[in-house]
Amino acid sequence: EAHKLLQPADKTLKEMAIEFAEYQVCVDVFITTQSYVDIASISVI
């Protein structure tokens, strides 16, 4: 059940990650916030 909670809510970022990999682009993500962030969706990048 826990693995279902860690799945991305939106497939858009997954598609971006595939395109980044195709062009060998590196993405650094820095997350600092006091509100909710969907880390599971961002993790595919």
PDB file of N, CA and C in Angstrom:
ATOM      1  N   GLU A   1       0.824  -1.203   0.000  1.00  0.00           N
ATOM      2  CA  GLU A   1       0.000   0.000   0.000  1.00  0.00           C
ATOM      3  C   GLU A   1       0.865   1.262   0.000  1.00  0.00           C
ATOM      4  N   ALA A   2       1.970   1.257   0.703  1.00  0.00           N
ATOM      5  CA  ALA A   2       2.814   2.451   0.785  1.00  0.00           C
ATOM      6  C   ALA A   2       3.402   2.826  -0.568  1.00  0.00           C
ATOM      7  N   HIS A   3       3.716   1.829  -1.391  1.00  0.00           N
ATOM      8  CA  HIS A   3       4.291   2.143  -2.701  1.00  0.00           C
ATOM      9  C   HIS A   3       3.305   2.881  -3.595  1.00  0.00           C
ATOM     10  N   LYS A   4       2.012   2.689  -3.363  1.00  0.00           N
ATOM     11  CA  LYS A   4       0.996   3.417  -4.132  1.00  0.00           C
ATOM     12  C   LYS A   4       1.001   4.902  -3.775  1.00  0.00           C
ATOM     13  N   LEU A   5       1.303   5.214  -2.533  1.00  0.00           N
ATOM     14  CA  LEU A   5       1.336   6.609  -2.089  1.00  0.00           C
ATOM     15  C   LEU A   5       2.527   7.362  -2.669  1.00  0.00           C
ATOM     16  N   LEU A   6       3.565   6.639  -3.045  1.00  0.00           N
ATOM     17  CA  LEU A   6       4.771   7.277  -3.558  1.00  0.00           C
ATOM     18  C   LEU A   6       4.767   7.434  -5.075  1.00  0.00           C
ATOM     19  N   GLN A   7       3.663   7.093  -5.719  1.00  0.00           N
ATOM     20  CA  GLN A   7       3.550   7.248  -7.167  1.00  0.00           C
ATOM     21  C   GLN A   7       3.195   8.689  -7.517  1.00  0.00           C
ATOM     22  N   PRO A   8       3.739   9.209  -8.620  1.00  0.00           N
ATOM     23  CA  PRO A   8       3.430  10.579  -9.038  1.00  0.00           C
ATOM     24  C   PRO A   8       1.944  10.771  -9.314  1.00  0.00           C
ATOM     25  N   ALA A   9       1.431  11.929  -8.946  1.00  0.00           N
ATOM     26  CA  ALA A   9       0.024  12.243  -9.184  1.00  0.00           C
ATOM     27  C   ALA A   9      -0.215  12.658 -10.631  1.00  0.00           C
ATOM     28  N   ASP A  10       0.835  13.148 -11.283  1.00  0.00           N
ATOM     29  CA  ASP A  10       0.717  13.667 -12.646  1.00  0.00           C
ATOM     30  C   ASP A  10       1.825  13.070 -13.508  1.00  0.00           C
ATOM     31  N   LYS A  11       1.494  12.677 -14.719  1.00  0.00           N
ATOM     32  CA  LYS A  11       2.474  12.060 -15.621  1.00  0.00           C
ATOM     33  C   LYS A  11       3.288  13.088 -16.412  1.00  0.00           C
ATOM     34  N   THR A  12       2.969  14.364 -16.302  1.00  0.00           N
ATOM     35  CA  THR A  12       3.669  15.405 -17.048  1.00  0.00           C
ATOM     36  C   THR A  12       5.152  15.435 -16.707  1.00  0.00           C
ATOM     37  N   LEU A  13       5.479  15.355 -15.433  1.00  0.00           N
ATOM     38  CA  LEU A  13       6.881  15.400 -15.027  1.00  0.00           C
ATOM     39  C   LEU A  13       7.637  14.163 -15.497  1.00  0.00           C
ATOM     40  N   LYS A  14       6.964  13.024 -15.558  1.00  0.00           N
ATOM     41  CA  LYS A  14       7.589  11.802 -16.078  1.00  0.00           C
ATOM     42  C   LYS A  14       7.963  11.991 -17.541  1.00  0.00           C
ATOM     43  N   GLU A  15       7.066  12.598 -18.313  1.00  0.00           N
ATOM     44  CA  GLU A  15       7.338  12.862 -19.726  1.00  0.00           C
ATOM     45  C   GLU A  15       8.503  13.840 -19.880  1.00  0.00           C
ATOM     46  N   MET A  16       8.564  14.843 -19.011  1.00  0.00           N
ATOM     47  CA  MET A  16       9.683  15.785 -19.036  1.00  0.00           C
ATOM     48  C   MET A  16      10.992  15.064 -18.726  1.00  0.00           C
ATOM     49  N   ALA A  17      10.973  14.164 -17.759  1.00  0.00           N
ATOM     50  CA  ALA A  17      12.173  13.425 -17.377  1.00  0.00           C
ATOM     51  C   ALA A  17      12.683  12.578 -18.533  1.00  0.00           C
ATOM     52  N   ILE A  18      11.778  11.971 -19.269  1.00  0.00           N
ATOM     53  CA  ILE A  18      12.170  11.168 -20.429  1.00  0.00           C
ATOM     54  C   ILE A  18      12.811  12.050 -21.493  1.00  0.00           C
ATOM     55  N   GLU A  19      12.235  13.223 -21.720  1.00  0.00           N
ATOM     56  CA  GLU A  19      12.793  14.150 -22.703  1.00  0.00           C
ATOM     57  C   GLU A  19      14.161  14.679 -22.253  1.00  0.00           C
ATOM     58  N   PHE A  20      14.304  14.984 -20.960  1.00  0.00           N
ATOM     59  CA  PHE A  20      15.597  15.426 -20.440  1.00  0.00           C
ATOM     60  C   PHE A  20      16.654  14.348 -20.669  1.00  0.00           C
ATOM     61  N   ALA A  21      16.297  13.102 -20.410  1.00  0.00           N
ATOM     62  CA  ALA A  21      17.236  11.997 -20.583  1.00  0.00           C
ATOM     63  C   ALA A  21      17.620  11.833 -22.050  1.00  0.00           C
ATOM     64  N   GLU A  22      16.676  12.039 -22.935  1.00  0.00           N
ATOM     65  CA  GLU A  22      16.943  11.922 -24.369  1.00  0.00           C
ATOM     66  C   GLU A  22      18.016  12.913 -24.819  1.00  0.00           C
ATOM     67  N   TYR A  23      17.958  14.123 -24.278  1.00  0.00           N
ATOM     68  CA  TYR A  23      18.925  15.161 -24.636  1.00  0.00           C
ATOM     69  C   TYR A  23      20.076  15.271 -23.634  1.00  0.00           C
ATOM     70  N   GLN A  24      20.136  14.334 -22.691  1.00  0.00           N
ATOM     71  CA  GLN A  24      21.172  14.274 -21.661  1.00  0.00           C
ATOM     72  C   GLN A  24      21.269  15.578 -20.870  1.00  0.00           C
ATOM     73  N   VAL A  25      20.120  16.056 -20.415  1.00  0.00           N
ATOM     74  CA  VAL A  25      20.032  17.276 -19.620  1.00  0.00           C
ATOM     75  C   VAL A  25      19.963  16.896 -18.142  1.00  0.00           C
ATOM     76  N   CYS A  26      20.748  17.576 -17.324  1.00  0.00           N
ATOM     77  CA  CYS A  26      20.746  17.359 -15.883  1.00  0.00           C
ATOM     78  C   CYS A  26      19.859  18.413 -15.215  1.00  0.00           C
ATOM     79  N   VAL A  27      19.096  17.991 -14.226  1.00  0.00           N
ATOM     80  CA  VAL A  27      18.211  18.905 -13.509  1.00  0.00           C
ATOM     81  C   VAL A  27      18.503  18.791 -12.014  1.00  0.00           C
ATOM     82  N   ASP A  28      18.830  19.913 -11.390  1.00  0.00           N
ATOM     83  CA  ASP A  28      18.997  19.966  -9.941  1.00  0.00           C
ATOM     84  C   ASP A  28      17.728  20.560  -9.349  1.00  0.00           C
ATOM     85  N   VAL A  29      17.204  19.906  -8.335  1.00  0.00           N
ATOM     86  CA  VAL A  29      15.964  20.365  -7.711  1.00  0.00           C
ATOM     87  C   VAL A  29      16.254  20.708  -6.253  1.00  0.00           C
ATOM     88  N   PHE A  30      15.983  21.944  -5.880  1.00  0.00           N
ATOM     89  CA  PHE A  30      16.126  22.395  -4.499  1.00  0.00           C
ATOM     90  C   PHE A  30      14.735  22.771  -4.001  1.00  0.00           C
ATOM     91  N   ILE A  31      14.282  22.100  -2.968  1.00  0.00           N
ATOM     92  CA  ILE A  31      12.928  22.329  -2.466  1.00  0.00           C
ATOM     93  C   ILE A  31      13.010  22.862  -1.041  1.00  0.00           C
ATOM     94  N   THR A  32      12.596  24.097  -0.875  1.00  0.00           N
ATOM     95  CA  THR A  32      12.506  24.698   0.451  1.00  0.00           C
ATOM     96  C   THR A  32      11.176  25.435   0.520  1.00  0.00           C
ATOM     97  N   THR A  33      10.295  24.932   1.322  1.00  0.00           N
ATOM     98  CA  THR A  33       8.963  25.516   1.406  1.00  0.00           C
ATOM     99  C   THR A  33       8.351  25.249   2.778  1.00  0.00           C
ATOM    100  N   GLN A  34       7.374  26.035   3.109  1.00  0.00           N
ATOM    101  CA  GLN A  34       6.639  25.816   4.349  1.00  0.00           C
ATOM    102  C   GLN A  34       5.266  25.222   4.072  1.00  0.00           C
ATOM    103  N   SER A  35       4.971  24.984   2.798  1.00  0.00           N
ATOM    104  CA  SER A  35       3.675  24.411   2.446  1.00  0.00           C
ATOM    105  C   SER A  35       3.878  23.063   1.755  1.00  0.00           C
ATOM    106  N   TYR A  36       2.794  22.432   1.362  1.00  0.00           N
ATOM    107  CA  TYR A  36       2.803  21.108   0.760  1.00  0.00           C
ATOM    108  C   TYR A  36       3.478  21.110  -0.612  1.00  0.00           C
ATOM    109  N   VAL A  37       4.327  20.112  -0.844  1.00  0.00           N
ATOM    110  CA  VAL A  37       4.940  19.894  -2.153  1.00  0.00           C
ATOM    111  C   VAL A  37       4.810  18.407  -2.473  1.00  0.00           C
ATOM    112  N   ASP A  38       4.354  18.096  -3.672  1.00  0.00           N
ATOM    113  CA  ASP A  38       4.189  16.706  -4.086  1.00  0.00           C
ATOM    114  C   ASP A  38       5.545  16.144  -4.515  1.00  0.00           C
ATOM    115  N   ILE A  39       6.327  15.708  -3.548  1.00  0.00           N
ATOM    116  CA  ILE A  39       7.676  15.206  -3.810  1.00  0.00           C
ATOM    117  C   ILE A  39       7.640  13.951  -4.674  1.00  0.00           C
ATOM    118  N   ALA A  40       6.638  13.118  -4.526  1.00  0.00           N
ATOM    119  CA  ALA A  40       6.548  11.902  -5.339  1.00  0.00           C
ATOM    120  C   ALA A  40       6.479  12.242  -6.818  1.00  0.00           C
ATOM    121  N   SER A  41       5.789  13.304  -7.180  1.00  0.00           N
ATOM    122  CA  SER A  41       5.710  13.701  -8.590  1.00  0.00           C
ATOM    123  C   SER A  41       7.013  14.313  -9.077  1.00  0.00           C
ATOM    124  N   ILE A  42       7.697  15.045  -8.216  1.00  0.00           N
ATOM    125  CA  ILE A  42       8.951  15.685  -8.597  1.00  0.00           C
ATOM    126  C   ILE A  42      10.083  14.665  -8.671  1.00  0.00           C
ATOM    127  N   SER A  43       9.976  13.574  -7.950  1.00  0.00           N
ATOM    128  CA  SER A  43      11.071  12.609  -7.859  1.00  0.00           C
ATOM    129  C   SER A  43      11.445  11.973  -9.183  1.00  0.00           C
ATOM    130  N   VAL A  44      10.544  11.916 -10.149  1.00  0.00           N
ATOM    131  CA  VAL A  44      10.885  11.297 -11.432  1.00  0.00           C
ATOM    132  C   VAL A  44      11.904  12.109 -12.208  1.00  0.00           C
ATOM    133  N   ILE A  45      11.991  13.383 -11.930  1.00  0.00           N
ATOM    134  CA  ILE A  45      12.967  14.230 -12.616  1.00  0.00           C
ATOM    135  C   ILE A  45      14.319  13.992 -12.001  1.00  0.00           C
TER     136      ILE A  45
END
